[in-house]
Amino acid sequence: IEEIRVFKAARPKQSAPLLANERGAPMTAAMLR
């Protein structure tokens, strides 16, 4: 979770969800599956 926070902090805020893909878009249930 800390790695994700650091990763997200270094990029423009595009997504509020904790889980996001490499481009910062929210990760859907299908993507996680």
PDB file of all heavy atoms in Angstrom:
ATOM      1  N   ILE A   1       0.836  -1.202   0.000  1.00  0.00           N
ATOM      2  CA  ILE A   1       0.000   0.000   0.000  1.00  0.00           C
ATOM      3  C   ILE A   1       0.872   1.252   0.000  1.00  0.00           C
ATOM      4  O   ILE A   1       0.587   2.223  -0.703  1.00  0.00           O
ATOM      5  CB  ILE A   1      -0.994  -0.014   1.175  1.00  0.00           C
ATOM      6  CG1 ILE A   1      -2.053  -1.092   0.927  1.00  0.00           C
ATOM      7  CG2 ILE A   1      -1.641   1.350   1.371  1.00  0.00           C
ATOM      8  CD1 ILE A   1      -2.991  -1.329   2.082  1.00  0.00           C
ATOM      9  N   GLU A   2       1.964   1.226   0.737  1.00  0.00           N
ATOM     10  CA  GLU A   2       2.878   2.378   0.747  1.00  0.00           C
ATOM     11  C   GLU A   2       3.516   2.572  -0.623  1.00  0.00           C
ATOM     12  O   GLU A   2       3.645   3.702  -1.106  1.00  0.00           O
ATOM     13  CB  GLU A   2       3.944   2.218   1.830  1.00  0.00           C
ATOM     14  CG  GLU A   2       4.847   3.419   1.954  1.00  0.00           C
ATOM     15  CD  GLU A   2       4.105   4.731   2.233  1.00  0.00           C
ATOM     16  OE1 GLU A   2       3.040   4.710   2.881  1.00  0.00           O
ATOM     17  OE2 GLU A   2       4.593   5.787   1.796  1.00  0.00           O
ATOM     18  N   GLU A   3       3.902   1.474  -1.272  1.00  0.00           N
ATOM     19  CA  GLU A   3       4.460   1.566  -2.628  1.00  0.00           C
ATOM     20  C   GLU A   3       3.434   2.170  -3.587  1.00  0.00           C
ATOM     21  O   GLU A   3       3.779   2.987  -4.438  1.00  0.00           O
ATOM     22  CB  GLU A   3       4.883   0.190  -3.127  1.00  0.00           C
ATOM     23  CG  GLU A   3       6.153  -0.326  -2.511  1.00  0.00           C
ATOM     24  CD  GLU A   3       6.525  -1.709  -3.045  1.00  0.00           C
ATOM     25  OE1 GLU A   3       6.234  -2.009  -4.218  1.00  0.00           O
ATOM     26  OE2 GLU A   3       7.106  -2.486  -2.268  1.00  0.00           O
ATOM     27  N   ILE A   4       2.184   1.772  -3.457  1.00  0.00           N
ATOM     28  CA  ILE A   4       1.121   2.308  -4.308  1.00  0.00           C
ATOM     29  C   ILE A   4       0.963   3.802  -4.054  1.00  0.00           C
ATOM     30  O   ILE A   4       0.831   4.592  -4.994  1.00  0.00           O
ATOM     31  CB  ILE A   4      -0.211   1.555  -4.069  1.00  0.00           C
ATOM     32  CG1 ILE A   4      -0.099   0.118  -4.583  1.00  0.00           C
ATOM     33  CG2 ILE A   4      -1.372   2.284  -4.739  1.00  0.00           C
ATOM     34  CD1 ILE A   4      -1.245  -0.786  -4.159  1.00  0.00           C
ATOM     35  N   ARG A   5       0.982   4.209  -2.787  1.00  0.00           N
ATOM     36  CA  ARG A   5       0.853   5.634  -2.452  1.00  0.00           C
ATOM     37  C   ARG A   5       1.987   6.453  -3.071  1.00  0.00           C
ATOM     38  O   ARG A   5       1.759   7.523  -3.622  1.00  0.00           O
ATOM     39  CB  ARG A   5       0.812   5.828  -0.943  1.00  0.00           C
ATOM     40  CG  ARG A   5      -0.483   5.417  -0.322  1.00  0.00           C
ATOM     41  CD  ARG A   5      -0.492   5.742   1.158  1.00  0.00           C
ATOM     42  NE  ARG A   5      -1.783   5.371   1.717  1.00  0.00           N
ATOM     43  CZ  ARG A   5      -1.945   4.767   2.864  1.00  0.00           C
ATOM     44  NH1 ARG A   5      -0.898   4.479   3.620  1.00  0.00           N
ATOM     45  NH2 ARG A   5      -3.145   4.463   3.303  1.00  0.00           N
ATOM     46  N   VAL A   6       3.212   5.946  -2.965  1.00  0.00           N
ATOM     47  CA  VAL A   6       4.375   6.643  -3.532  1.00  0.00           C
ATOM     48  C   VAL A   6       4.234   6.718  -5.050  1.00  0.00           C
ATOM     49  O   VAL A   6       4.461   7.766  -5.664  1.00  0.00           O
ATOM     50  CB  VAL A   6       5.694   5.942  -3.125  1.00  0.00           C
ATOM     51  CG1 VAL A   6       6.875   6.478  -3.913  1.00  0.00           C
ATOM     52  CG2 VAL A   6       5.921   6.085  -1.633  1.00  0.00           C
ATOM     53  N   PHE A   7       3.848   5.612  -5.661  1.00  0.00           N
ATOM     54  CA  PHE A   7       3.653   5.553  -7.109  1.00  0.00           C
ATOM     55  C   PHE A   7       2.622   6.582  -7.559  1.00  0.00           C
ATOM     56  O   PHE A   7       2.839   7.336  -8.495  1.00  0.00           O
ATOM     57  CB  PHE A   7       3.211   4.134  -7.511  1.00  0.00           C
ATOM     58  CG  PHE A   7       2.891   3.976  -8.969  1.00  0.00           C
ATOM     59  CD1 PHE A   7       3.893   3.730  -9.890  1.00  0.00           C
ATOM     60  CD2 PHE A   7       1.575   4.061  -9.419  1.00  0.00           C
ATOM     61  CE1 PHE A   7       3.598   3.572 -11.235  1.00  0.00           C
ATOM     62  CE2 PHE A   7       1.267   3.907 -10.760  1.00  0.00           C
ATOM     63  CZ  PHE A   7       2.286   3.657 -11.679  1.00  0.00           C
ATOM     64  N   LYS A   8       1.498   6.621  -6.849  1.00  0.00           N
ATOM     65  CA  LYS A   8       0.421   7.549  -7.216  1.00  0.00           C
ATOM     66  C   LYS A   8       0.805   9.000  -6.958  1.00  0.00           C
ATOM     67  O   LYS A   8       0.418   9.890  -7.706  1.00  0.00           O
ATOM     68  CB  LYS A   8      -0.859   7.191  -6.465  1.00  0.00           C
ATOM     69  CG  LYS A   8      -1.478   5.884  -6.975  1.00  0.00           C
ATOM     70  CD  LYS A   8      -2.724   5.541  -6.220  1.00  0.00           C
ATOM     71  CE  LYS A   8      -3.819   6.477  -6.642  1.00  0.00           C
ATOM     72  NZ  LYS A   8      -5.131   6.121  -6.123  1.00  0.00           N
ATOM     73  N   ALA A   9       1.585   9.245  -5.898  1.00  0.00           N
ATOM     74  CA  ALA A   9       1.988  10.610  -5.570  1.00  0.00           C
ATOM     75  C   ALA A   9       2.909  11.188  -6.640  1.00  0.00           C
ATOM     76  O   ALA A   9       2.948  12.407  -6.851  1.00  0.00           O
ATOM     77  CB  ALA A   9       2.678  10.645  -4.212  1.00  0.00           C
ATOM     78  N   ALA A  10       3.639  10.339  -7.335  1.00  0.00           N
ATOM     79  CA  ALA A  10       4.582  10.789  -8.349  1.00  0.00           C
ATOM     80  C   ALA A  10       3.920  11.060  -9.696  1.00  0.00           C
ATOM     81  O   ALA A  10       4.569  11.525 -10.623  1.00  0.00           O
ATOM     82  CB  ALA A  10       5.685   9.746  -8.522  1.00  0.00           C
ATOM     83  N   ARG A  11       2.640  10.802  -9.796  1.00  0.00           N
ATOM     84  CA  ARG A  11       1.919  10.983 -11.062  1.00  0.00           C
ATOM     85  C   ARG A  11       0.765  11.965 -10.882  1.00  0.00           C
ATOM     86  O   ARG A  11       0.283  12.174  -9.779  1.00  0.00           O
ATOM     87  CB  ARG A  11       1.389   9.636 -11.539  1.00  0.00           C
ATOM     88  CG  ARG A  11       2.509   8.820 -12.145  1.00  0.00           C
ATOM     89  CD  ARG A  11       2.262   7.336 -12.024  1.00  0.00           C
ATOM     90  NE  ARG A  11       3.395   6.582 -12.498  1.00  0.00           N
ATOM     91  CZ  ARG A  11       4.528   6.415 -11.826  1.00  0.00           C
ATOM     92  NH1 ARG A  11       4.690   6.972 -10.666  1.00  0.00           N
ATOM     93  NH2 ARG A  11       5.518   5.705 -12.307  1.00  0.00           N
ATOM     94  N   PRO A  12       0.339  12.530 -12.008  1.00  0.00           N
ATOM     95  CA  PRO A  12      -0.823  13.434 -11.907  1.00  0.00           C
ATOM     96  C   PRO A  12      -2.027  12.686 -11.350  1.00  0.00           C
ATOM     97  O   PRO A  12      -2.218  11.507 -11.633  1.00  0.00           O
ATOM     98  CB  PRO A  12      -1.090  13.846 -13.353  1.00  0.00           C
ATOM     99  CG  PRO A  12       0.105  13.450 -14.133  1.00  0.00           C
ATOM    100  CD  PRO A  12       0.824  12.390 -13.359  1.00  0.00           C
ATOM    101  N   LYS A  13      -2.789  13.363 -10.529  1.00  0.00           N
ATOM    102  CA  LYS A  13      -3.951  12.728  -9.910  1.00  0.00           C
ATOM    103  C   LYS A  13      -5.021  12.498 -10.967  1.00  0.00           C
ATOM    104  O   LYS A  13      -5.619  13.426 -11.477  1.00  0.00           O
ATOM    105  CB  LYS A  13      -4.496  13.588  -8.778  1.00  0.00           C
ATOM    106  CG  LYS A  13      -5.518  12.874  -7.956  1.00  0.00           C
ATOM    107  CD  LYS A  13      -5.800  13.591  -6.676  1.00  0.00           C
ATOM    108  CE  LYS A  13      -6.709  12.737  -5.832  1.00  0.00           C
ATOM    109  NZ  LYS A  13      -6.905  13.309  -4.535  1.00  0.00           N
ATOM    110  N   GLN A  14      -5.233  11.239 -11.283  1.00  0.00           N
ATOM    111  CA  GLN A  14      -6.239  10.857 -12.268  1.00  0.00           C
ATOM    112  C   GLN A  14      -7.311   9.976 -11.648  1.00  0.00           C
ATOM    113  O   GLN A  14      -8.374   9.837 -12.179  1.00  0.00           O
ATOM    114  CB  GLN A  14      -5.596  10.075 -13.414  1.00  0.00           C
ATOM    115  CG  GLN A  14      -4.578  10.857 -14.185  1.00  0.00           C
ATOM    116  CD  GLN A  14      -3.916   9.988 -15.243  1.00  0.00           C
ATOM    117  OE1 GLN A  14      -4.196   8.812 -15.381  1.00  0.00           O
ATOM    118  NE2 GLN A  14      -3.031  10.585 -16.000  1.00  0.00           N
ATOM    119  N   SER A  15      -6.955   9.385 -10.524  1.00  0.00           N
ATOM    120  CA  SER A  15      -7.837   8.373  -9.971  1.00  0.00           C
ATOM    121  C   SER A  15      -7.800   8.410  -8.451  1.00  0.00           C
ATOM    122  O   SER A  15      -6.743   8.468  -7.847  1.00  0.00           O
ATOM    123  CB  SER A  15      -7.360   7.000 -10.470  1.00  0.00           C
ATOM    124  OG  SER A  15      -8.020   5.978  -9.796  1.00  0.00           O
ATOM    125  N   ALA A  16      -8.959   8.370  -7.826  1.00  0.00           N
ATOM    126  CA  ALA A  16      -9.037   8.348  -6.372  1.00  0.00           C
ATOM    127  C   ALA A  16      -8.927   6.934  -5.796  1.00  0.00           C
ATOM    128  O   ALA A  16      -8.535   6.784  -4.660  1.00  0.00           O
ATOM    129  CB  ALA A  16     -10.335   8.998  -5.914  1.00  0.00           C
ATOM    130  N   PRO A  17      -9.254   5.883  -6.550  1.00  0.00           N
ATOM    131  CA  PRO A  17      -9.203   4.540  -5.979  1.00  0.00           C
ATOM    132  C   PRO A  17      -7.796   4.125  -5.577  1.00  0.00           C
ATOM    133  O   PRO A  17      -6.813   4.575  -6.164  1.00  0.00           O
ATOM    134  CB  PRO A  17      -9.705   3.634  -7.099  1.00  0.00           C
ATOM    135  CG  PRO A  17     -10.384   4.508  -8.060  1.00  0.00           C
ATOM    136  CD  PRO A  17      -9.776   5.861  -7.921  1.00  0.00           C
ATOM    137  N   LEU A  18      -7.713   3.260  -4.601  1.00  0.00           N
ATOM    138  CA  LEU A  18      -6.423   2.731  -4.159  1.00  0.00           C
ATOM    139  C   LEU A  18      -5.787   1.889  -5.257  1.00  0.00           C
ATOM    140  O   LEU A  18      -4.597   1.989  -5.512  1.00  0.00           O
ATOM    141  CB  LEU A  18      -6.606   1.886  -2.898  1.00  0.00           C
ATOM    142  CG  LEU A  18      -5.364   1.189  -2.365  1.00  0.00           C
ATOM    143  CD1 LEU A  18      -4.310   2.219  -1.950  1.00  0.00           C
ATOM    144  CD2 LEU A  18      -5.719   0.295  -1.198  1.00  0.00           C
ATOM    145  N   LEU A  19      -6.581   1.069  -5.905  1.00  0.00           N
ATOM    146  CA  LEU A  19      -6.057   0.203  -6.960  1.00  0.00           C
ATOM    147  C   LEU A  19      -6.258   0.866  -8.310  1.00  0.00           C
ATOM    148  O   LEU A  19      -7.373   1.134  -8.726  1.00  0.00           O
ATOM    149  CB  LEU A  19      -6.747  -1.157  -6.934  1.00  0.00           C
ATOM    150  CG  LEU A  19      -6.558  -1.968  -5.653  1.00  0.00           C
ATOM    151  CD1 LEU A  19      -7.347  -3.263  -5.728  1.00  0.00           C
ATOM    152  CD2 LEU A  19      -5.101  -2.244  -5.396  1.00  0.00           C
ATOM    153  N   ALA A  20      -5.152   1.103  -8.990  1.00  0.00           N
ATOM    154  CA  ALA A  20      -5.190   1.723 -10.305  1.00  0.00           C
ATOM    155  C   ALA A  20      -4.222   0.971 -11.211  1.00  0.00           C
ATOM    156  O   ALA A  20      -3.260   0.365 -10.741  1.00  0.00           O
ATOM    157  CB  ALA A  20      -4.794   3.189 -10.205  1.00  0.00           C
ATOM    158  N   ASN A  21      -4.478   1.046 -12.508  1.00  0.00           N
ATOM    159  CA  ASN A  21      -3.565   0.381 -13.435  1.00  0.00           C
ATOM    160  C   ASN A  21      -2.328   1.250 -13.672  1.00  0.00           C
ATOM    161  O   ASN A  21      -2.172   2.301 -13.043  1.00  0.00           O
ATOM    162  CB  ASN A  21      -4.280   0.028 -14.749  1.00  0.00           C
ATOM    163  CG  ASN A  21      -4.686   1.243 -15.551  1.00  0.00           C
ATOM    164  OD1 ASN A  21      -4.251   2.372 -15.300  1.00  0.00           O
ATOM    165  ND2 ASN A  21      -5.540   1.024 -16.533  1.00  0.00           N
ATOM    166  N   GLU A  22      -1.474   0.833 -14.570  1.00  0.00           N
ATOM    167  CA  GLU A  22      -0.215   1.519 -14.820  1.00  0.00           C
ATOM    168  C   GLU A  22      -0.401   2.955 -15.321  1.00  0.00           C
ATOM    169  O   GLU A  22       0.466   3.794 -15.163  1.00  0.00           O
ATOM    170  CB  GLU A  22       0.626   0.743 -15.847  1.00  0.00           C
ATOM    171  CG  GLU A  22       1.071  -0.624 -15.370  1.00  0.00           C
ATOM    172  CD  GLU A  22      -0.018  -1.686 -15.473  1.00  0.00           C
ATOM    173  OE1 GLU A  22      -1.088  -1.429 -16.064  1.00  0.00           O
ATOM    174  OE2 GLU A  22       0.186  -2.784 -14.927  1.00  0.00           O
ATOM    175  N   ARG A  23      -1.545   3.238 -15.921  1.00  0.00           N
ATOM    176  CA  ARG A  23      -1.811   4.588 -16.431  1.00  0.00           C
ATOM    177  C   ARG A  23      -2.559   5.453 -15.421  1.00  0.00           C
ATOM    178  O   ARG A  23      -2.898   6.589 -15.704  1.00  0.00           O
ATOM    179  CB  ARG A  23      -2.606   4.494 -17.735  1.00  0.00           C
ATOM    180  CG  ARG A  23      -1.797   3.885 -18.874  1.00  0.00           C
ATOM    181  CD  ARG A  23      -2.684   3.653 -20.050  1.00  0.00           C
ATOM    182  NE  ARG A  23      -3.662   2.656 -19.614  1.00  0.00           N
ATOM    183  CZ  ARG A  23      -4.137   1.692 -20.369  1.00  0.00           C
ATOM    184  NH1 ARG A  23      -3.779   1.593 -21.607  1.00  0.00           N
ATOM    185  NH2 ARG A  23      -4.991   0.830 -19.900  1.00  0.00           N
ATOM    186  N   GLY A  24      -2.868   4.885 -14.253  1.00  0.00           N
ATOM    187  CA  GLY A  24      -3.562   5.641 -13.220  1.00  0.00           C
ATOM    188  C   GLY A  24      -5.074   5.522 -13.260  1.00  0.00           C
ATOM    189  O   GLY A  24      -5.768   6.117 -12.443  1.00  0.00           O
ATOM    190  N   ALA A  25      -5.599   4.757 -14.198  1.00  0.00           N
ATOM    191  CA  ALA A  25      -7.050   4.563 -14.296  1.00  0.00           C
ATOM    192  C   ALA A  25      -7.504   3.562 -13.235  1.00  0.00           C
ATOM    193  O   ALA A  25      -6.744   2.655 -12.869  1.00  0.00           O
ATOM    194  CB  ALA A  25      -7.424   4.057 -15.686  1.00  0.00           C
ATOM    195  N   PRO A  26      -8.725   3.732 -12.714  1.00  0.00           N
ATOM    196  CA  PRO A  26      -9.223   2.799 -11.693  1.00  0.00           C
ATOM    197  C   PRO A  26      -9.203   1.358 -12.191  1.00  0.00           C
ATOM    198  O   PRO A  26      -9.523   1.084 -13.344  1.00  0.00           O
ATOM    199  CB  PRO A  26     -10.657   3.252 -11.455  1.00  0.00           C
ATOM    200  CG  PRO A  26     -10.727   4.637 -11.974  1.00  0.00           C
ATOM    201  CD  PRO A  26      -9.711   4.745 -13.069  1.00  0.00           C
ATOM    202  N   MET A  27      -8.810   0.451 -11.321  1.00  0.00           N
ATOM    203  CA  MET A  27      -8.796  -0.961 -11.676  1.00  0.00           C
ATOM    204  C   MET A  27     -10.177  -1.543 -11.407  1.00  0.00           C
ATOM    205  O   MET A  27     -10.680  -1.464 -10.300  1.00  0.00           O
ATOM    206  CB  MET A  27      -7.731  -1.711 -10.880  1.00  0.00           C
ATOM    207  CG  MET A  27      -7.549  -3.127 -11.377  1.00  0.00           C
ATOM    208  SD  MET A  27      -6.174  -4.008 -10.613  1.00  0.00           S
ATOM    209  CE  MET A  27      -4.803  -3.090 -11.244  1.00  0.00           C
ATOM    210  N   THR A  28     -10.757  -2.121 -12.429  1.00  0.00           N
ATOM    211  CA  THR A  28     -12.084  -2.722 -12.297  1.00  0.00           C
ATOM    212  C   THR A  28     -11.957  -4.136 -11.733  1.00  0.00           C
ATOM    213  O   THR A  28     -10.859  -4.710 -11.686  1.00  0.00           O
ATOM    214  CB  THR A  28     -12.785  -2.804 -13.666  1.00  0.00           C
ATOM    215  OG1 THR A  28     -12.035  -3.702 -14.513  1.00  0.00           O
ATOM    216  CG2 THR A  28     -12.897  -1.438 -14.325  1.00  0.00           C
ATOM    217  N   ALA A  29     -13.079  -4.687 -11.333  1.00  0.00           N
ATOM    218  CA  ALA A  29     -13.091  -6.058 -10.816  1.00  0.00           C
ATOM    219  C   ALA A  29     -12.595  -7.027 -11.887  1.00  0.00           C
ATOM    220  O   ALA A  29     -11.853  -7.968 -11.590  1.00  0.00           O
ATOM    221  CB  ALA A  29     -14.495  -6.437 -10.359  1.00  0.00           C
ATOM    222  N   ALA A  30     -12.981  -6.786 -13.140  1.00  0.00           N
ATOM    223  CA  ALA A  30     -12.551  -7.661 -14.235  1.00  0.00           C
ATOM    224  C   ALA A  30     -11.033  -7.588 -14.432  1.00  0.00           C
ATOM    225  O   ALA A  30     -10.379  -8.613 -14.682  1.00  0.00           O
ATOM    226  CB  ALA A  30     -13.265  -7.282 -15.523  1.00  0.00           C
ATOM    227  N   MET A  31     -10.467  -6.393 -14.306  1.00  0.00           N
ATOM    228  CA  MET A  31      -9.014  -6.235 -14.445  1.00  0.00           C
ATOM    229  C   MET A  31      -8.294  -6.985 -13.327  1.00  0.00           C
ATOM    230  O   MET A  31      -7.286  -7.658 -13.565  1.00  0.00           O
ATOM    231  CB  MET A  31      -8.637  -4.751 -14.402  1.00  0.00           C
ATOM    232  CG  MET A  31      -9.130  -3.967 -15.598  1.00  0.00           C
ATOM    233  SD  MET A  31      -9.009  -2.187 -15.320  1.00  0.00           S
ATOM    234  CE  MET A  31      -7.269  -1.917 -15.558  1.00  0.00           C
ATOM    235  N   LEU A  32      -8.798  -6.853 -12.111  1.00  0.00           N
ATOM    236  CA  LEU A  32      -8.189  -7.527 -10.966  1.00  0.00           C
ATOM    237  C   LEU A  32      -8.289  -9.037 -11.134  1.00  0.00           C
ATOM    238  O   LEU A  32      -7.324  -9.770 -10.892  1.00  0.00           O
ATOM    239  CB  LEU A  32      -8.874  -7.072  -9.679  1.00  0.00           C
ATOM    240  CG  LEU A  32      -8.222  -7.458  -8.378  1.00  0.00           C
ATOM    241  CD1 LEU A  32      -6.794  -6.928  -8.292  1.00  0.00           C
ATOM    242  CD2 LEU A  32      -9.038  -6.926  -7.212  1.00  0.00           C
ATOM    243  N   ARG A  33      -9.444  -9.502 -11.574  1.00  0.00           N
ATOM    244  CA  ARG A  33      -9.662 -10.936 -11.814  1.00  0.00           C
ATOM    245  C   ARG A  33      -8.686 -11.460 -12.863  1.00  0.00           C
ATOM    246  O   ARG A  33      -8.048 -12.494 -12.682  1.00  0.00           O
ATOM    247  CB  ARG A  33     -11.104 -11.156 -12.268  1.00  0.00           C
ATOM    248  CG  ARG A  33     -11.368 -12.430 -13.040  1.00  0.00           C
ATOM    249  CD  ARG A  33     -11.230 -13.688 -12.259  1.00  0.00           C
ATOM    250  NE  ARG A  33     -12.241 -13.746 -11.249  1.00  0.00           N
ATOM    251  CZ  ARG A  33     -12.260 -14.676 -10.298  1.00  0.00           C
ATOM    252  NH1 ARG A  33     -11.327 -15.591 -10.267  1.00  0.00           N
ATOM    253  NH2 ARG A  33     -13.180 -14.688  -9.396  1.00  0.00           N
TER     254      ARG A  33
END
